[in-house]
Amino acid sequence: MAAPVTASAVTAEVARTCNTAVAKAFPPKQVGNPAAGSAKGSAKEQRDYFNKCVANDGKVDDAPADAPKDSKAKN
């Protein structure tokens, strides 16, 4: 008898949220409209972004890498 696998499955809600986040971060190109979408991000980068989103339960940090983590203004 095989032992059951205890890997957690991605919920449909988290997958939808992450698909939306990927579409915002890597907008798809539209045929016939050169102003729509962007060419940034390879398929691997998009997969990594999606996997990071899923690992964080649908939350992604879109702050630039060089931005400070503390968002409070220093006076």
N, C-alpha and C. Protein backbone atom coordinates (compact mmCIF):
# COMPACT_ATOMS: atom_id res chain seq x y z
N MET A 1 0.85 -1.17 0.00
CA MET A 1 0.00 0.00 0.00
C MET A 1 0.89 1.23 0.00
N ALA A 2 0.57 2.20 -0.82
CA ALA A 2 1.36 3.42 -0.94
C ALA A 2 0.97 4.42 0.15
N ALA A 3 1.96 5.14 0.65
CA ALA A 3 1.71 6.17 1.66
C ALA A 3 1.13 7.41 0.98
N PRO A 4 0.18 8.07 1.61
CA PRO A 4 -0.40 9.27 1.00
C PRO A 4 0.61 10.41 0.95
N VAL A 5 0.52 11.20 -0.09
CA VAL A 5 1.40 12.35 -0.26
C VAL A 5 0.80 13.50 0.53
N THR A 6 1.61 14.20 1.32
CA THR A 6 1.09 15.28 2.17
C THR A 6 1.44 16.66 1.64
N ALA A 7 1.70 16.77 0.35
CA ALA A 7 2.00 18.08 -0.24
C ALA A 7 0.73 18.92 -0.27
N SER A 8 0.87 20.19 0.04
CA SER A 8 -0.31 21.04 0.03
C SER A 8 -0.61 21.49 -1.40
N ALA A 9 -1.87 21.50 -1.73
CA ALA A 9 -2.29 21.90 -3.07
C ALA A 9 -2.55 23.39 -3.10
N VAL A 10 -2.35 23.99 -4.25
CA VAL A 10 -2.62 25.41 -4.44
C VAL A 10 -4.13 25.57 -4.57
N THR A 11 -4.69 26.47 -3.80
CA THR A 11 -6.13 26.69 -3.91
C THR A 11 -6.43 27.50 -5.17
N ALA A 12 -7.64 27.37 -5.66
CA ALA A 12 -8.03 28.09 -6.88
C ALA A 12 -7.96 29.60 -6.66
N GLU A 13 -8.31 30.05 -5.46
CA GLU A 13 -8.28 31.48 -5.17
C GLU A 13 -6.86 32.03 -5.21
N VAL A 14 -5.92 31.30 -4.62
CA VAL A 14 -4.51 31.74 -4.63
C VAL A 14 -3.97 31.72 -6.06
N ALA A 15 -4.31 30.69 -6.82
CA ALA A 15 -3.85 30.60 -8.20
C ALA A 15 -4.39 31.76 -9.03
N ARG A 16 -5.67 32.11 -8.85
CA ARG A 16 -6.26 33.24 -9.57
C ARG A 16 -5.56 34.54 -9.20
N THR A 17 -5.33 34.73 -7.90
CA THR A 17 -4.67 35.94 -7.42
C THR A 17 -3.27 36.05 -8.02
N CYS A 18 -2.55 34.95 -8.04
CA CYS A 18 -1.19 34.96 -8.57
C CYS A 18 -1.17 35.13 -10.08
N ASN A 19 -2.13 34.56 -10.79
CA ASN A 19 -2.22 34.78 -12.24
C ASN A 19 -2.45 36.25 -12.54
N THR A 20 -3.29 36.89 -11.75
CA THR A 20 -3.55 38.32 -11.92
C THR A 20 -2.29 39.13 -11.64
N ALA A 21 -1.55 38.75 -10.60
CA ALA A 21 -0.32 39.46 -10.25
C ALA A 21 0.72 39.30 -11.36
N VAL A 22 0.82 38.11 -11.94
CA VAL A 22 1.76 37.88 -13.05
C VAL A 22 1.36 38.72 -14.25
N ALA A 23 0.06 38.79 -14.55
CA ALA A 23 -0.40 39.59 -15.69
C ALA A 23 -0.11 41.07 -15.49
N LYS A 24 -0.17 41.54 -14.24
CA LYS A 24 0.15 42.94 -13.97
C LYS A 24 1.65 43.19 -14.07
N ALA A 25 2.44 42.27 -13.55
CA ALA A 25 3.89 42.44 -13.55
C ALA A 25 4.48 42.22 -14.94
N PHE A 26 3.89 41.31 -15.71
CA PHE A 26 4.37 40.98 -17.05
C PHE A 26 3.19 41.05 -18.02
N PRO A 27 2.75 42.27 -18.39
CA PRO A 27 1.57 42.37 -19.25
C PRO A 27 1.81 41.72 -20.60
N PRO A 28 0.81 40.97 -21.08
CA PRO A 28 0.98 40.30 -22.37
C PRO A 28 0.90 41.28 -23.53
N LYS A 29 1.61 40.96 -24.59
CA LYS A 29 1.55 41.78 -25.80
C LYS A 29 0.24 41.50 -26.52
N GLN A 30 -0.26 42.51 -27.22
CA GLN A 30 -1.46 42.34 -28.02
C GLN A 30 -1.08 42.48 -29.50
N VAL A 31 -1.52 41.56 -30.30
CA VAL A 31 -1.22 41.57 -31.73
C VAL A 31 -1.87 42.81 -32.36
N GLY A 32 -1.10 43.56 -33.10
CA GLY A 32 -1.61 44.74 -33.79
C GLY A 32 -1.60 46.00 -32.95
N ASN A 33 -1.18 45.91 -31.68
CA ASN A 33 -1.14 47.09 -30.83
C ASN A 33 0.25 47.16 -30.19
N PRO A 34 1.19 47.81 -30.83
CA PRO A 34 2.56 47.83 -30.32
C PRO A 34 2.71 48.55 -28.97
N ALA A 35 1.73 49.36 -28.59
CA ALA A 35 1.82 50.07 -27.32
C ALA A 35 1.35 49.22 -26.14
N ALA A 36 0.67 48.14 -26.41
CA ALA A 36 0.12 47.30 -25.34
C ALA A 36 1.13 46.26 -24.90
N GLY A 37 1.22 46.07 -23.60
CA GLY A 37 2.08 45.03 -23.06
C GLY A 37 3.54 45.40 -23.10
N SER A 38 4.34 44.48 -22.64
CA SER A 38 5.78 44.71 -22.63
C SER A 38 6.49 43.41 -22.97
N ALA A 39 7.72 43.55 -23.34
CA ALA A 39 8.52 42.38 -23.68
C ALA A 39 9.39 41.94 -22.51
N LYS A 40 9.18 42.55 -21.34
CA LYS A 40 10.04 42.20 -20.21
C LYS A 40 9.63 40.88 -19.60
N GLY A 41 10.60 40.18 -19.10
CA GLY A 41 10.33 38.94 -18.38
C GLY A 41 10.27 37.73 -19.28
N SER A 42 11.18 36.80 -19.03
CA SER A 42 11.16 35.54 -19.76
C SER A 42 10.13 34.61 -19.12
N ALA A 43 9.89 33.51 -19.74
CA ALA A 43 8.94 32.54 -19.20
C ALA A 43 9.41 32.04 -17.83
N LYS A 44 10.72 31.86 -17.68
CA LYS A 44 11.27 31.41 -16.39
C LYS A 44 11.03 32.46 -15.32
N GLU A 45 11.23 33.73 -15.65
CA GLU A 45 11.00 34.80 -14.67
C GLU A 45 9.52 34.87 -14.27
N GLN A 46 8.65 34.66 -15.23
CA GLN A 46 7.22 34.67 -14.93
C GLN A 46 6.84 33.48 -14.04
N ARG A 47 7.40 32.30 -14.33
CA ARG A 47 7.14 31.11 -13.49
C ARG A 47 7.65 31.34 -12.08
N ASP A 48 8.87 31.90 -11.97
CA ASP A 48 9.45 32.16 -10.65
C ASP A 48 8.59 33.14 -9.86
N TYR A 49 8.08 34.17 -10.55
CA TYR A 49 7.23 35.17 -9.91
C TYR A 49 5.93 34.50 -9.41
N PHE A 50 5.34 33.64 -10.26
CA PHE A 50 4.12 32.93 -9.87
C PHE A 50 4.39 32.02 -8.68
N ASN A 51 5.49 31.26 -8.72
CA ASN A 51 5.82 30.35 -7.62
C ASN A 51 6.08 31.11 -6.33
N LYS A 52 6.73 32.28 -6.42
CA LYS A 52 6.96 33.10 -5.24
C LYS A 52 5.62 33.57 -4.66
N CYS A 53 4.71 33.95 -5.54
CA CYS A 53 3.38 34.39 -5.12
C CYS A 53 2.65 33.25 -4.41
N VAL A 54 2.68 32.07 -4.98
CA VAL A 54 2.01 30.92 -4.38
C VAL A 54 2.63 30.58 -3.02
N ALA A 55 3.96 30.65 -2.95
CA ALA A 55 4.64 30.35 -1.69
C ALA A 55 4.28 31.35 -0.59
N ASN A 56 3.95 32.58 -0.99
CA ASN A 56 3.57 33.62 -0.03
C ASN A 56 2.06 33.73 0.11
N ASP A 57 1.34 32.68 -0.28
CA ASP A 57 -0.12 32.61 -0.13
C ASP A 57 -0.84 33.74 -0.87
N GLY A 58 -0.37 34.06 -2.06
CA GLY A 58 -1.04 35.05 -2.89
C GLY A 58 -0.57 36.48 -2.70
N LYS A 59 0.46 36.66 -1.92
CA LYS A 59 0.98 38.01 -1.68
C LYS A 59 2.36 38.12 -2.31
N VAL A 60 2.57 39.19 -3.08
CA VAL A 60 3.88 39.43 -3.70
C VAL A 60 4.37 40.80 -3.30
N ASP A 61 5.67 40.92 -3.19
CA ASP A 61 6.29 42.20 -2.85
C ASP A 61 6.83 42.79 -4.14
N ASP A 62 6.15 43.82 -4.65
CA ASP A 62 6.56 44.43 -5.91
C ASP A 62 7.49 45.62 -5.72
N ALA A 63 8.00 45.84 -4.51
CA ALA A 63 8.90 46.96 -4.27
C ALA A 63 10.21 46.71 -5.00
N PRO A 64 10.81 47.74 -5.56
CA PRO A 64 12.10 47.58 -6.22
C PRO A 64 13.16 47.06 -5.24
N ALA A 65 14.12 46.35 -5.76
CA ALA A 65 15.14 45.74 -4.91
C ALA A 65 15.96 46.78 -4.15
N ASP A 66 16.15 47.98 -4.74
CA ASP A 66 16.96 48.98 -4.08
C ASP A 66 16.15 49.88 -3.14
N ALA A 67 14.85 49.66 -3.04
CA ALA A 67 14.02 50.46 -2.15
C ALA A 67 14.22 50.02 -0.71
N PRO A 68 14.23 50.95 0.24
CA PRO A 68 14.38 50.56 1.63
C PRO A 68 13.16 49.79 2.12
N LYS A 69 13.37 48.84 3.03
CA LYS A 69 12.28 48.03 3.54
C LYS A 69 11.36 48.84 4.45
N ASP A 70 11.91 49.83 5.16
CA ASP A 70 11.13 50.67 6.06
C ASP A 70 10.48 51.77 5.23
N SER A 71 9.15 51.80 5.18
CA SER A 71 8.46 52.78 4.35
C SER A 71 8.21 54.09 5.06
N LYS A 72 8.57 54.19 6.34
CA LYS A 72 8.37 55.44 7.08
C LYS A 72 9.37 56.48 6.63
N ALA A 73 8.89 57.69 6.48
CA ALA A 73 9.78 58.79 6.08
C ALA A 73 10.62 59.24 7.27
N LYS A 74 11.87 59.47 7.02
CA LYS A 74 12.77 59.94 8.09
C LYS A 74 12.83 61.45 8.03
N ASN A 75 12.60 62.08 9.17
CA ASN A 75 12.65 63.54 9.22
C ASN A 75 13.82 64.01 10.03
